[in-house]
Amino acid sequence: MQFDRQTALNRIGEGKAAFREGDPFNACPYNMYGDREELFGYHYWTRGWGTARAEAEARPRPEQPSAGQ
């Protein structure tokens, strides 16, 4: 594996896609205690997941109609 910008962006994209699919944070396919490749993947995958979550939380939620109360 090459530790370059394109690979990092790919891992970030994987993390964002996982969040959109509803995967939890701990569903990361990379091991934070593994070798350099695993650690690199974990770092950027979780960065992407966290970014997607922050973006989703920052968006205003559509106003839901009340139950008549």
N, C-alpha and C. Protein backbone atom coordinates (compact mmCIF):
# COMPACT_ATOMS: atom_id res chain seq x y z
N MET A 1 0.84 -1.18 0.00
CA MET A 1 0.00 0.00 0.00
C MET A 1 0.88 1.24 0.00
N GLN A 2 0.42 2.23 -0.72
CA GLN A 2 1.14 3.50 -0.72
C GLN A 2 0.45 4.45 0.26
N PHE A 3 1.24 5.14 1.03
CA PHE A 3 0.71 6.10 1.98
C PHE A 3 0.72 7.48 1.31
N ASP A 4 -0.25 7.71 0.46
CA ASP A 4 -0.30 8.97 -0.27
C ASP A 4 -1.67 9.61 -0.13
N ARG A 5 -1.79 10.77 -0.70
CA ARG A 5 -3.03 11.55 -0.59
C ARG A 5 -4.22 10.81 -1.19
N GLN A 6 -4.04 10.18 -2.33
CA GLN A 6 -5.15 9.49 -2.99
C GLN A 6 -5.66 8.34 -2.14
N THR A 7 -4.77 7.58 -1.54
CA THR A 7 -5.18 6.48 -0.67
C THR A 7 -5.92 7.01 0.54
N ALA A 8 -5.42 8.10 1.11
CA ALA A 8 -6.09 8.71 2.27
C ALA A 8 -7.49 9.17 1.88
N LEU A 9 -7.63 9.81 0.74
CA LEU A 9 -8.94 10.27 0.30
C LEU A 9 -9.89 9.10 0.05
N ASN A 10 -9.36 7.98 -0.44
CA ASN A 10 -10.18 6.79 -0.64
C ASN A 10 -10.70 6.26 0.69
N ARG A 11 -9.83 6.22 1.70
CA ARG A 11 -10.24 5.73 3.03
C ARG A 11 -11.27 6.68 3.65
N ILE A 12 -11.08 7.99 3.48
CA ILE A 12 -12.05 8.96 3.97
C ILE A 12 -13.40 8.73 3.30
N GLY A 13 -13.38 8.50 2.00
CA GLY A 13 -14.61 8.22 1.27
C GLY A 13 -15.29 6.95 1.76
N GLU A 14 -14.51 5.93 2.08
CA GLU A 14 -15.07 4.69 2.62
C GLU A 14 -15.78 4.96 3.95
N GLY A 15 -15.14 5.76 4.80
CA GLY A 15 -15.74 6.08 6.09
C GLY A 15 -17.03 6.87 5.94
N LYS A 16 -17.04 7.83 5.02
CA LYS A 16 -18.26 8.62 4.79
C LYS A 16 -19.38 7.73 4.26
N ALA A 17 -19.05 6.84 3.35
CA ALA A 17 -20.05 5.93 2.80
C ALA A 17 -20.60 5.01 3.89
N ALA A 18 -19.73 4.56 4.77
CA ALA A 18 -20.17 3.70 5.87
C ALA A 18 -21.16 4.43 6.77
N PHE A 19 -20.89 5.70 7.06
CA PHE A 19 -21.82 6.46 7.90
C PHE A 19 -23.16 6.59 7.20
N ARG A 20 -23.15 6.92 5.92
CA ARG A 20 -24.41 7.08 5.17
C ARG A 20 -25.21 5.78 5.14
N GLU A 21 -24.51 4.64 5.17
CA GLU A 21 -25.19 3.35 5.16
C GLU A 21 -25.67 2.94 6.55
N GLY A 22 -25.31 3.73 7.57
CA GLY A 22 -25.76 3.44 8.92
C GLY A 22 -24.81 2.60 9.75
N ASP A 23 -23.61 2.39 9.26
CA ASP A 23 -22.64 1.60 10.02
C ASP A 23 -22.14 2.39 11.23
N PRO A 24 -21.97 1.71 12.37
CA PRO A 24 -21.46 2.41 13.56
C PRO A 24 -19.96 2.68 13.43
N PHE A 25 -19.48 3.56 14.28
CA PHE A 25 -18.07 3.95 14.27
C PHE A 25 -17.14 2.75 14.42
N ASN A 26 -17.52 1.80 15.26
CA ASN A 26 -16.65 0.66 15.51
C ASN A 26 -16.73 -0.42 14.43
N ALA A 27 -17.39 -0.13 13.32
CA ALA A 27 -17.46 -1.07 12.21
C ALA A 27 -16.28 -0.88 11.25
N CYS A 28 -15.31 -0.10 11.66
CA CYS A 28 -14.15 0.17 10.81
C CYS A 28 -13.46 -1.13 10.43
N PRO A 29 -13.20 -1.34 9.13
CA PRO A 29 -12.56 -2.58 8.71
C PRO A 29 -11.05 -2.59 8.95
N TYR A 30 -10.50 -1.51 9.45
CA TYR A 30 -9.06 -1.42 9.68
C TYR A 30 -8.78 -1.48 11.19
N ASN A 31 -7.66 -2.07 11.54
CA ASN A 31 -7.31 -2.30 12.94
C ASN A 31 -6.41 -1.19 13.46
N MET A 32 -6.84 -0.53 14.53
CA MET A 32 -6.03 0.56 15.08
C MET A 32 -4.76 0.06 15.76
N TYR A 33 -4.67 -1.23 16.01
CA TYR A 33 -3.48 -1.79 16.65
C TYR A 33 -2.66 -2.63 15.67
N GLY A 34 -2.99 -2.55 14.39
CA GLY A 34 -2.30 -3.34 13.39
C GLY A 34 -1.00 -2.70 12.93
N ASP A 35 -0.54 -3.16 11.80
CA ASP A 35 0.70 -2.62 11.23
C ASP A 35 0.44 -1.22 10.65
N ARG A 36 1.42 -0.68 10.00
CA ARG A 36 1.31 0.70 9.47
C ARG A 36 0.15 0.86 8.50
N GLU A 37 -0.05 -0.14 7.65
CA GLU A 37 -1.14 -0.06 6.68
C GLU A 37 -2.49 -0.03 7.36
N GLU A 38 -2.67 -0.90 8.36
CA GLU A 38 -3.92 -0.94 9.10
C GLU A 38 -4.16 0.36 9.85
N LEU A 39 -3.13 0.86 10.49
CA LEU A 39 -3.25 2.11 11.24
C LEU A 39 -3.58 3.28 10.32
N PHE A 40 -2.93 3.33 9.17
CA PHE A 40 -3.22 4.36 8.18
C PHE A 40 -4.68 4.29 7.75
N GLY A 41 -5.16 3.08 7.42
CA GLY A 41 -6.55 2.91 7.03
C GLY A 41 -7.51 3.29 8.13
N TYR A 42 -7.19 2.90 9.36
CA TYR A 42 -8.05 3.23 10.51
C TYR A 42 -8.14 4.74 10.70
N HIS A 43 -7.02 5.39 10.65
CA HIS A 43 -6.98 6.84 10.87
C HIS A 43 -7.88 7.58 9.87
N TYR A 44 -7.72 7.29 8.61
CA TYR A 44 -8.46 8.03 7.59
C TYR A 44 -9.90 7.55 7.44
N TRP A 45 -10.17 6.27 7.69
CA TRP A 45 -11.55 5.79 7.66
C TRP A 45 -12.35 6.46 8.76
N THR A 46 -11.80 6.50 9.97
CA THR A 46 -12.52 7.12 11.08
C THR A 46 -12.64 8.62 10.89
N ARG A 47 -11.67 9.24 10.26
CA ARG A 47 -11.78 10.67 9.95
C ARG A 47 -12.95 10.91 9.00
N GLY A 48 -13.09 10.07 8.00
CA GLY A 48 -14.21 10.20 7.07
C GLY A 48 -15.54 9.97 7.74
N TRP A 49 -15.62 8.94 8.60
CA TRP A 49 -16.86 8.65 9.31
C TRP A 49 -17.24 9.83 10.20
N GLY A 50 -16.27 10.36 10.93
CA GLY A 50 -16.53 11.49 11.82
C GLY A 50 -16.93 12.74 11.07
N THR A 51 -16.32 12.97 9.93
CA THR A 51 -16.67 14.13 9.11
C THR A 51 -18.11 14.01 8.61
N ALA A 52 -18.48 12.82 8.15
CA ALA A 52 -19.84 12.61 7.66
C ALA A 52 -20.85 12.81 8.78
N ARG A 53 -20.52 12.36 9.98
CA ARG A 53 -21.43 12.53 11.12
C ARG A 53 -21.58 14.02 11.46
N ALA A 54 -20.47 14.73 11.48
CA ALA A 54 -20.51 16.16 11.79
C ALA A 54 -21.33 16.92 10.75
N GLU A 55 -21.16 16.57 9.49
CA GLU A 55 -21.94 17.22 8.43
C GLU A 55 -23.43 16.93 8.60
N ALA A 56 -23.76 15.69 8.94
CA ALA A 56 -25.17 15.32 9.12
C ALA A 56 -25.78 16.05 10.31
N GLU A 57 -25.03 16.19 11.38
CA GLU A 57 -25.54 16.87 12.57
C GLU A 57 -25.66 18.38 12.36
N ALA A 58 -24.86 18.94 11.47
CA ALA A 58 -24.89 20.37 11.22
C ALA A 58 -26.06 20.79 10.33
N ARG A 59 -26.57 19.86 9.54
CA ARG A 59 -27.70 20.17 8.66
C ARG A 59 -28.96 20.37 9.49
N PRO A 60 -29.71 21.41 9.20
CA PRO A 60 -30.98 21.58 9.94
C PRO A 60 -31.96 20.48 9.59
N ARG A 61 -32.62 20.01 10.58
CA ARG A 61 -33.61 18.95 10.35
C ARG A 61 -34.91 19.58 9.87
N PRO A 62 -35.58 18.92 8.97
CA PRO A 62 -36.86 19.47 8.50
C PRO A 62 -37.87 19.49 9.65
N GLU A 63 -38.65 20.52 9.65
CA GLU A 63 -39.67 20.68 10.68
C GLU A 63 -40.70 19.58 10.55
N GLN A 64 -40.94 18.85 11.62
CA GLN A 64 -41.93 17.78 11.57
C GLN A 64 -43.24 18.31 12.13
N PRO A 65 -44.33 17.92 11.51
CA PRO A 65 -45.62 18.40 12.02
C PRO A 65 -45.88 17.86 13.42
N SER A 66 -46.53 18.66 14.22
CA SER A 66 -46.84 18.22 15.59
C SER A 66 -47.99 17.22 15.56
N ALA A 67 -48.17 16.58 16.67
CA ALA A 67 -49.24 15.59 16.78
C ALA A 67 -50.57 16.25 17.14
N GLY A 68 -50.69 17.54 16.92
CA GLY A 68 -51.93 18.24 17.18
C GLY A 68 -52.01 18.82 18.58
N GLN A 69 -50.91 18.90 19.24
CA GLN A 69 -50.92 19.43 20.61
C GLN A 69 -50.42 20.85 20.65
